[in-house]
Amino acid sequence: SLYLQPIYTYQEPFEHDMTGIQLAFSGEKYNRIFIYDVDQGSVADKAELKPGDEILAINFQPVSELGMEKIESIFHSYNNRGLMLDIYSANAKKRERVFMTLKRRI
């Protein structure tokens, strides 16, 4: 027999990633953030973000000051949240500013 019991520590609702971006953190203190992959049809894909692009700032805050956990919480925050990303485009070899609106994916 199999018995299932509710786990009360998981009662708080949470949001899944709403960007469609998989990140790679690098640097001595993991203070550089690169886009590793972009899900097809996601808001990141529509914003034309590409693997290899480096995220420099989110809403004017340098990613080196935010840290991994804060960045993840921003990308999971809430539906229809507007974000402005300053990126260094790997393809165009220049700095760009990208706007996107988070969308719930599941």
Protein backbone atom coordinates (compact mmCIF):
# COMPACT_ATOMS: atom_id res chain seq x y z
CA SER A 1 0.00 0.00 0.00
CA LEU A 2 1.02 3.55 -0.63
CA TYR A 3 -0.03 6.35 1.70
CA LEU A 4 0.28 9.99 0.76
CA GLN A 5 0.25 12.84 3.22
CA PRO A 6 0.22 16.56 2.47
CA ILE A 7 3.46 18.42 3.04
CA TYR A 8 2.50 21.61 4.80
CA THR A 9 5.75 23.40 4.00
CA TYR A 10 4.67 23.59 0.34
CA GLN A 11 1.41 25.43 0.90
CA GLU A 12 2.76 28.79 -0.25
CA PRO A 13 2.05 29.50 -3.91
CA PHE A 14 5.06 30.14 -6.12
CA GLU A 15 5.71 31.23 -9.67
CA HIS A 16 7.68 29.37 -12.29
CA ASP A 17 10.15 31.11 -14.60
CA MET A 18 8.30 33.58 -16.85
CA THR A 19 11.14 34.60 -19.18
CA GLY A 20 12.06 31.44 -21.05
CA ILE A 21 15.74 32.07 -20.33
CA GLN A 22 18.20 29.55 -18.95
CA LEU A 23 21.09 31.34 -17.28
CA ALA A 24 24.76 30.55 -16.81
CA PHE A 25 26.56 32.35 -14.00
CA SER A 26 30.32 32.89 -14.26
CA GLY A 27 33.07 35.01 -12.82
CA GLU A 28 34.99 34.80 -9.58
CA LYS A 29 31.89 35.61 -7.51
CA TYR A 30 29.36 34.40 -10.11
CA ASN A 31 28.69 38.05 -10.88
CA ARG A 32 28.48 37.69 -14.67
CA ILE A 33 25.31 36.30 -16.18
CA PHE A 34 25.05 34.85 -19.65
CA ILE A 35 22.04 33.50 -21.49
CA TYR A 36 22.63 29.79 -21.97
CA ASP A 37 19.40 28.98 -23.82
CA VAL A 38 16.13 30.64 -24.86
CA ASP A 39 12.85 28.73 -25.12
CA GLN A 40 11.16 29.08 -28.48
CA GLY A 41 8.05 31.29 -28.31
CA SER A 42 8.93 32.71 -24.88
CA VAL A 43 9.01 36.42 -24.04
CA ALA A 44 12.82 36.26 -24.22
CA ASP A 45 12.58 34.78 -27.71
CA LYS A 46 10.16 37.52 -28.77
CA ALA A 47 12.60 40.10 -27.34
CA GLU A 48 15.24 38.52 -29.61
CA LEU A 49 17.56 37.49 -26.79
CA LYS A 50 20.08 34.87 -27.87
CA PRO A 51 22.35 32.30 -26.23
CA GLY A 52 25.68 33.94 -25.48
CA ASP A 53 24.18 37.36 -24.69
CA GLU A 54 25.41 38.76 -21.38
CA ILE A 55 22.88 40.39 -19.05
CA LEU A 56 24.52 43.52 -17.62
CA ALA A 57 21.63 45.12 -15.70
CA ILE A 58 17.98 44.54 -14.84
CA ASN A 59 15.84 47.66 -14.39
CA PHE A 60 18.99 49.80 -14.09
CA GLN A 61 20.50 47.56 -11.37
CA PRO A 62 23.83 45.94 -12.32
CA VAL A 63 23.57 42.16 -12.09
CA SER A 64 26.87 42.10 -10.20
CA GLU A 65 25.03 43.81 -7.32
CA LEU A 66 21.91 41.63 -7.47
CA GLY A 67 23.21 38.10 -7.06
CA MET A 68 21.84 34.79 -8.28
CA GLU A 69 18.89 34.49 -5.90
CA LYS A 70 17.61 38.02 -6.54
CA ILE A 71 17.84 37.59 -10.32
CA GLU A 72 15.95 34.30 -10.15
CA SER A 73 13.28 35.91 -7.94
CA ILE A 74 12.87 38.78 -10.43
CA PHE A 75 12.38 36.33 -13.32
CA HIS A 76 9.81 34.40 -11.23
CA SER A 77 8.09 37.43 -9.67
CA TYR A 78 4.64 38.05 -11.18
CA ASN A 79 2.68 37.97 -14.41
CA ASN A 80 2.78 41.11 -16.60
CA ARG A 81 5.78 42.60 -14.79
CA GLY A 82 7.80 44.80 -17.12
CA LEU A 83 11.57 44.34 -17.21
CA MET A 84 14.28 46.32 -18.90
CA LEU A 85 17.48 44.40 -19.55
CA ASP A 86 20.78 45.93 -20.54
CA ILE A 87 22.64 43.26 -22.45
CA TYR A 88 25.81 42.83 -24.41
CA SER A 89 24.71 41.12 -27.60
CA ALA A 90 27.06 38.30 -28.59
CA ASN A 91 25.88 38.46 -32.22
CA ALA A 92 25.85 42.24 -32.73
CA LYS A 93 28.94 42.82 -30.54
CA LYS A 94 27.32 45.83 -28.87
CA ARG A 95 25.38 46.90 -25.81
CA GLU A 96 21.59 46.94 -26.21
CA ARG A 97 18.52 47.68 -24.09
CA VAL A 98 15.68 45.18 -24.28
CA PHE A 99 12.17 45.45 -22.85
CA MET A 100 9.99 42.47 -22.05
CA THR A 101 6.89 41.68 -20.04
CA LEU A 102 6.86 38.52 -17.93
CA LYS A 103 4.18 36.02 -18.92
CA ARG A 104 3.01 33.04 -16.92
CA ARG A 105 3.92 29.93 -18.92
CA ILE A 106 2.20 27.21 -16.91
